[in-house]
Amino acid sequence: MKVLVVRFSSIGDIVLTTPVIRGLKKQLGAEVHYLTKSNFQEVLAANPYIDQIHLLNHTNWSEIVSKLKAEKFDYIIDLHHNVRTLKLKLALGVKAFSFDKLNIQKWLLVNLKINRMPAFHIVDRYLACVKSIGVNKDLQGLDYFIGTNDEVSLSSLPLAFQNGYIGLVIGAQHFTKRLPKEKLNVLLQRLTQPVVILGGPTDAELAEELSKIAPNRIYNACGKYNLNQSASLVKQAQKIICNDTGLMHIAAAFQKEIHLLWGNTIPAFGMGPYAIENAYHYEVPHLNCRPCSKIGFQQCPKGHFHCMNQQDITKLINQLG
């Protein structure tokens, strides 16, 4: 059996598809191919359950369709489900199983605050796509694999961080998912444990500023490591503090203790930490503007950003112990 799994974005969403990949390989013995965008190749590169990764960019649509036709897949597992994947399924002409994005339910929740979302994690909805061909939930959570060359040795960190640290993920694709600088300042001033700040190159300037609060206790790792190296630092952290973002799902794959600060999104969307015991959620209660989006904005639509500005840092500190 040869199967094509399709998911184009984002880092977190692709990590959330890993139980499907594992099930196809281990339960069915399938030859598993994965189609994604080129900037997400790194997420899947070391996954032993994937036989081949196919990369889509802005210019190679006809080329990639021709290449995929030649593979003669038995099934397409469409975990993205948009116009582009519809075109792909029509072009390949093989049996497809598509993920239900529940867009109507999400619209009701965002716009009318009527919750008709099923009480199932998105991973379980992904798995529902492949149940009819014999893939069952295996209770093994998410996967994330790091190549040997990307494993970061703790001995390469400053001495103060070699015996353990808290990982603080400050980035997120959208502003309304990020804890503001003022709140991060308060958090870092009050924490007593060593902290490694994690994020991408766009987070480096803020992280450098934050690290000056206590240079001997706060290490700025933003922009110094690639994604898989950052994942290695997540893997070796004692605990993770994060927003609703991709590194959160990577932390869940490593079964870390996660302290998740929710901004404009909410757990009811079914995209929180999957299949871990130690996940702590922090939300500002009684805000009738949440959720304001199923994804996020680059500024608060209401202008006040209460969902993050009113986060209870004392509660977080106490829970961290």
Protein backbone atom coordinates (compact mmCIF):
# COMPACT_ATOMS: atom_id res chain seq x y z
CA MET A 1 0.00 0.00 0.00
CA LYS A 2 1.33 3.43 -0.97
CA VAL A 3 -0.18 6.46 0.75
CA LEU A 4 0.25 10.23 0.35
CA VAL A 5 -0.34 12.39 3.43
CA VAL A 6 -0.88 16.10 2.73
CA ARG A 7 -0.47 18.99 5.16
CA PHE A 8 0.96 22.36 4.08
CA SER A 9 1.18 24.33 7.35
CA SER A 10 2.13 25.07 10.09
CA ILE A 11 4.93 23.60 12.24
CA GLY A 12 2.46 22.75 14.96
CA ASP A 13 -0.14 21.34 12.58
CA ILE A 14 2.45 19.11 10.94
CA VAL A 15 3.63 17.79 14.31
CA LEU A 16 -0.02 17.03 15.09
CA THR A 17 -0.22 14.74 12.03
CA THR A 18 2.54 12.42 13.32
CA PRO A 19 0.19 9.87 14.96
CA VAL A 20 -1.41 9.35 11.53
CA ILE A 21 2.00 8.84 9.91
CA ARG A 22 3.04 6.38 12.61
CA GLY A 23 -0.24 4.48 12.35
CA LEU A 24 -0.02 4.14 8.57
CA LYS A 25 3.50 2.76 8.81
CA LYS A 26 3.31 0.58 11.92
CA GLN A 27 -0.26 -0.71 11.69
CA LEU A 28 -0.63 -1.06 7.91
CA GLY A 29 2.99 -1.36 6.78
CA ALA A 30 2.27 1.35 4.21
CA GLU A 31 4.82 3.15 2.10
CA VAL A 32 4.22 6.67 3.42
CA HIS A 33 4.86 9.79 1.35
CA TYR A 34 4.25 13.30 2.70
CA LEU A 35 3.52 16.47 0.72
CA THR A 36 4.21 19.79 2.42
CA LYS A 37 5.77 23.16 1.72
CA SER A 38 9.54 23.39 1.49
CA ASN A 39 9.89 25.54 4.63
CA PHE A 40 8.44 22.68 6.75
CA GLN A 41 10.76 19.95 5.50
CA GLU A 42 12.89 20.27 8.62
CA VAL A 43 9.99 19.18 10.83
CA LEU A 44 9.71 15.81 9.09
CA ALA A 45 13.24 15.17 7.82
CA ALA A 46 14.25 12.67 10.54
CA ASN A 47 10.87 10.91 10.86
CA PRO A 48 11.56 7.18 10.31
CA TYR A 49 7.92 6.49 9.40
CA ILE A 50 8.10 8.61 6.23
CA ASP A 51 9.55 7.02 3.11
CA GLN A 52 9.64 10.16 0.98
CA ILE A 53 8.90 13.87 1.43
CA HIS A 54 7.58 15.86 -1.51
CA LEU A 55 7.94 19.64 -1.41
CA LEU A 56 5.56 22.17 -2.88
CA ASN A 57 6.60 25.74 -3.59
CA HIS A 58 5.06 28.66 -5.47
CA THR A 59 6.40 27.62 -8.87
CA ASN A 60 6.34 23.83 -9.13
CA TRP A 61 2.64 22.90 -9.05
CA SER A 62 2.54 21.18 -12.47
CA GLU A 63 5.85 19.49 -11.83
CA ILE A 64 4.85 18.14 -8.41
CA VAL A 65 1.47 16.91 -9.69
CA SER A 66 3.19 15.04 -12.51
CA LYS A 67 5.67 13.50 -10.08
CA LEU A 68 2.92 12.43 -7.67
CA LYS A 69 0.86 10.88 -10.48
CA ALA A 70 3.83 8.69 -11.36
CA GLU A 71 3.90 7.32 -7.81
CA LYS A 72 0.49 5.66 -8.33
CA PHE A 73 -0.75 6.10 -4.77
CA ASP A 74 -3.49 3.91 -3.38
CA TYR A 75 -4.81 6.61 -1.06
CA ILE A 76 -4.49 10.31 -0.32
CA ILE A 77 -4.88 11.38 3.31
CA ASP A 78 -5.81 15.06 3.05
CA LEU A 79 -5.17 16.66 6.44
CA HIS A 80 -5.20 20.19 5.05
CA HIS A 81 -8.45 20.20 3.05
CA ASN A 82 -8.55 23.39 1.04
CA VAL A 83 -8.99 24.38 -2.59
CA ARG A 84 -5.42 23.43 -3.45
CA THR A 85 -5.76 19.94 -2.01
CA LEU A 86 -9.08 19.53 -3.83
CA LYS A 87 -7.28 20.30 -7.10
CA LEU A 88 -4.59 17.80 -6.15
CA LYS A 89 -7.09 15.04 -5.40
CA LEU A 90 -8.88 15.63 -8.70
CA ALA A 91 -5.57 15.60 -10.56
CA LEU A 92 -4.36 12.34 -9.01
CA GLY A 93 -7.73 10.61 -9.25
CA VAL A 94 -7.26 8.15 -6.38
CA LYS A 95 -9.39 7.48 -3.32
CA ALA A 96 -8.97 10.25 -0.76
CA PHE A 97 -9.85 10.69 2.89
CA SER A 98 -10.24 14.29 4.01
CA PHE A 99 -10.05 15.94 7.41
CA ASP A 100 -13.13 17.92 8.44
CA LYS A 101 -11.94 21.42 9.37
CA LEU A 102 -15.25 22.26 11.11
CA ASN A 103 -15.20 25.78 9.66
CA ILE A 104 -18.87 26.41 10.43
CA GLN A 105 -18.41 25.43 14.07
CA LYS A 106 -15.31 27.62 14.33
CA TRP A 107 -17.18 30.55 12.78
CA LEU A 108 -19.97 30.17 15.31
CA LEU A 109 -17.49 30.07 18.17
CA VAL A 110 -15.47 33.09 16.97
CA ASN A 111 -18.32 35.30 15.84
CA LEU A 112 -21.30 34.34 17.99
CA LYS A 113 -19.51 32.62 20.92
CA ILE A 114 -21.67 29.55 20.35
CA ASN A 115 -19.64 26.44 21.03
CA ARG A 116 -20.58 23.57 18.72
CA MET A 117 -17.04 22.17 18.55
CA PRO A 118 -16.81 18.45 19.33
CA ALA A 119 -14.95 17.57 22.52
CA PHE A 120 -12.14 15.91 20.57
CA HIS A 121 -8.58 16.97 19.98
CA ILE A 122 -7.65 17.77 16.38
CA VAL A 123 -5.29 14.76 16.41
CA ASP A 124 -8.25 12.47 17.04
CA ARG A 125 -10.07 14.14 14.16
CA TYR A 126 -7.01 13.53 11.96
CA LEU A 127 -7.04 9.89 13.03
CA ALA A 128 -10.73 9.61 12.17
CA CYS A 129 -9.72 10.09 8.52
CA VAL A 130 -7.81 6.82 8.46
CA LYS A 131 -9.92 4.67 10.76
CA SER A 132 -11.82 3.11 7.85
CA ILE A 133 -8.60 1.77 6.32
CA GLY A 134 -7.53 0.17 9.57
CA VAL A 135 -5.51 2.77 11.50
CA ASN A 136 -6.48 3.01 15.15
CA LYS A 137 -5.41 5.36 17.93
CA ASP A 138 -2.36 3.82 19.60
CA LEU A 139 -2.15 6.05 22.70
CA GLN A 140 1.50 6.90 21.98
CA GLY A 141 1.05 10.65 21.59
CA LEU A 142 2.95 12.84 19.16
CA ASP A 143 6.32 12.20 17.54
CA TYR A 144 9.23 14.50 16.95
CA PHE A 145 12.56 13.17 15.68
CA ILE A 146 15.84 15.05 15.75
CA GLY A 147 18.79 14.06 13.60
CA THR A 148 22.10 13.36 15.35
CA ASN A 149 23.69 16.50 13.90
CA ASP A 150 20.98 18.69 15.43
CA GLU A 151 21.14 17.33 18.98
CA VAL A 152 22.44 20.13 21.21
CA SER A 153 24.79 19.06 23.99
CA LEU A 154 24.05 20.75 27.30
CA SER A 155 27.79 21.10 27.75
CA SER A 156 27.73 23.67 24.94
CA LEU A 157 25.52 25.97 27.03
CA PRO A 158 26.89 28.34 29.68
CA LEU A 159 27.69 26.50 32.92
CA ALA A 160 24.67 27.84 34.81
CA PHE A 161 22.31 26.04 32.39
CA GLN A 162 23.99 22.66 32.21
CA ASN A 163 22.23 21.22 35.24
CA GLY A 164 18.72 22.10 34.17
CA TYR A 165 16.61 25.03 33.02
CA ILE A 166 13.10 26.16 32.21
CA GLY A 167 12.44 26.72 28.52
CA LEU A 168 10.53 29.93 27.82
CA VAL A 169 9.03 30.11 24.31
CA ILE A 170 8.30 33.75 23.55
CA GLY A 171 7.36 33.60 19.88
CA ALA A 172 4.18 32.84 17.96
CA GLN A 173 3.16 33.52 14.39
CA HIS A 174 0.50 36.03 15.48
CA PHE A 175 0.82 38.90 17.95
CA THR A 176 -2.41 38.03 19.74
CA LYS A 177 -0.90 34.69 20.83
CA ARG A 178 2.23 36.23 22.39
CA LEU A 179 2.74 37.22 25.99
CA PRO A 180 3.67 40.95 25.88
CA LYS A 181 7.13 42.21 26.77
CA GLU A 182 5.91 43.84 29.96
CA LYS A 183 4.52 40.52 31.22
CA LEU A 184 7.66 38.68 30.17
CA ASN A 185 9.69 41.21 32.16
CA VAL A 186 7.66 40.51 35.28
CA LEU A 187 7.90 36.75 34.77
CA LEU A 188 11.66 36.75 34.28
CA GLN A 189 12.28 39.08 37.21
CA ARG A 190 10.38 36.75 39.51
CA LEU A 191 11.66 33.39 38.31
CA THR A 192 14.65 32.10 40.25
CA GLN A 193 15.53 29.12 38.04
CA PRO A 194 17.83 29.28 35.01
CA VAL A 195 15.79 30.12 31.90
CA VAL A 196 16.58 29.48 28.23
CA ILE A 197 14.54 31.77 25.96
CA LEU A 198 13.43 29.93 22.82
CA GLY A 199 12.17 31.28 19.53
CA GLY A 200 13.19 32.13 16.00
CA PRO A 201 15.31 34.90 14.48
CA THR A 202 12.42 37.38 14.65
CA ASP A 203 12.35 36.92 18.43
CA ALA A 204 16.08 37.45 18.92
CA GLU A 205 16.02 41.21 19.58
CA LEU A 206 13.36 40.95 22.28
CA ALA A 207 15.05 37.90 23.79
CA GLU A 208 18.37 39.72 23.98
CA GLU A 209 16.71 42.60 25.79
CA LEU A 210 15.00 40.22 28.20
CA SER A 211 18.20 38.31 28.90
CA LYS A 212 19.75 41.49 30.34
CA ILE A 213 17.33 41.25 33.29
CA ALA A 214 19.63 38.60 34.76
CA PRO A 215 22.44 37.62 32.34
CA ASN A 216 23.75 34.87 34.61
CA ARG A 217 20.33 33.24 34.86
CA ILE A 218 18.72 33.94 31.46
CA TYR A 219 20.15 32.65 28.19
CA ASN A 220 18.96 33.93 24.82
CA ALA A 221 18.78 31.01 22.37
CA CYS A 222 16.58 32.81 19.81
CA GLY A 223 18.08 32.89 16.34
CA LYS A 224 21.15 30.93 17.44
CA TYR A 225 19.74 27.50 16.64
CA ASN A 226 17.73 26.02 13.79
CA LEU A 227 14.30 24.51 14.43
CA ASN A 228 15.53 21.01 15.25
CA GLN A 229 18.25 22.36 17.53
CA SER A 230 15.63 24.44 19.32
CA ALA A 231 13.57 21.25 19.61
CA SER A 232 16.58 19.60 21.22
CA LEU A 233 16.66 22.39 23.82
CA VAL A 234 12.94 21.87 24.41
CA LYS A 235 13.55 18.14 24.82
CA GLN A 236 16.19 18.74 27.50
CA ALA A 237 14.30 21.42 29.44
CA GLN A 238 12.83 20.60 32.83
CA LYS A 239 9.63 22.54 32.09
CA ILE A 240 8.29 24.62 29.23
CA ILE A 241 6.44 27.94 29.45
CA CYS A 242 4.89 28.83 26.12
CA ASN A 243 2.18 30.43 24.05
CA ASP A 244 -0.11 28.54 21.66
CA THR A 245 2.60 27.85 19.09
CA GLY A 246 4.59 25.15 17.29
CA LEU A 247 7.22 24.56 19.97
CA MET A 248 4.37 23.80 22.38
CA HIS A 249 3.41 20.79 20.28
CA ILE A 250 7.05 19.74 20.06
CA ALA A 251 7.20 19.95 23.86
CA ALA A 252 4.11 17.72 24.00
CA ALA A 253 5.84 15.20 21.74
CA PHE A 254 8.63 15.00 24.33
CA GLN A 255 6.13 14.70 27.20
CA LYS A 256 7.40 17.83 28.91
CA GLU A 257 5.59 19.64 31.69
CA ILE A 258 3.91 22.48 29.80
CA HIS A 259 2.64 25.79 31.14
CA LEU A 260 0.54 27.24 28.35
CA LEU A 261 -0.58 30.88 28.24
CA TRP A 262 -3.66 31.28 26.07
CA GLY A 263 -4.26 34.58 24.26
CA ASN A 264 -6.90 35.02 21.59
CA THR A 265 -7.32 31.28 20.94
CA ILE A 266 -8.97 28.85 23.34
CA PRO A 267 -8.66 25.14 24.24
CA ALA A 268 -12.10 24.44 22.75
CA PHE A 269 -10.56 24.59 19.26
CA GLY A 270 -8.99 21.24 20.15
CA MET A 271 -5.36 22.21 19.55
CA GLY A 272 -3.85 22.22 23.01
CA PRO A 273 -1.08 19.86 24.22
CA TYR A 274 -1.96 16.34 23.11
CA ALA A 275 -1.78 13.22 25.25
CA ILE A 276 0.35 14.52 28.10
CA GLU A 277 -0.39 14.45 31.83
CA ASN A 278 1.38 17.60 33.01
CA ALA A 279 -0.21 20.45 31.08
CA TYR A 280 -1.24 23.61 32.91
CA HIS A 281 -3.46 26.13 31.18
CA TYR A 282 -3.62 29.86 31.97
CA GLU A 283 -6.55 31.90 30.67
CA VAL A 284 -8.02 35.23 31.66
CA PRO A 285 -11.57 34.36 32.76
CA HIS A 286 -14.81 36.03 31.71
CA LEU A 287 -13.57 37.77 28.56
CA ASN A 288 -16.49 37.88 26.15
CA CYS A 289 -14.19 38.78 23.25
CA ARG A 290 -12.41 35.40 23.25
CA PRO A 291 -11.88 33.76 20.89
CA CYS A 292 -11.52 36.64 18.46
CA SER A 293 -10.02 34.41 15.77
CA LYS A 294 -9.35 30.75 15.11
CA ILE A 295 -5.76 31.67 14.27
CA GLY A 296 -4.76 35.17 15.42
CA PHE A 297 -4.13 38.80 14.51
CA GLN A 298 -1.17 41.15 14.38
CA GLN A 299 -2.96 43.44 16.82
CA CYS A 300 -5.81 43.11 19.28
CA PRO A 301 -9.10 43.91 17.47
CA LYS A 302 -10.42 45.54 20.63
CA GLY A 303 -7.23 47.48 21.35
CA HIS A 304 -6.90 46.34 24.98
CA PHE A 305 -5.36 42.86 24.61
CA HIS A 306 -6.82 41.80 27.96
CA CYS A 307 -6.38 38.10 27.14
CA MET A 308 -2.62 38.47 27.62
CA ASN A 309 -2.24 41.76 29.49
CA GLN A 310 -4.31 40.39 32.37
CA GLN A 311 -2.56 37.03 32.64
CA ASP A 312 -1.92 36.09 36.28
CA ILE A 313 1.86 35.77 36.49
CA THR A 314 1.69 35.02 40.22
CA LYS A 315 -0.44 31.97 39.52
CA LEU A 316 2.09 30.79 36.92
CA ILE A 317 5.04 31.30 39.29
CA ASN A 318 3.30 29.40 42.07
CA GLN A 319 2.41 26.51 39.76
CA LEU A 320 6.00 26.24 38.52
CA GLY A 321 7.09 25.68 42.13
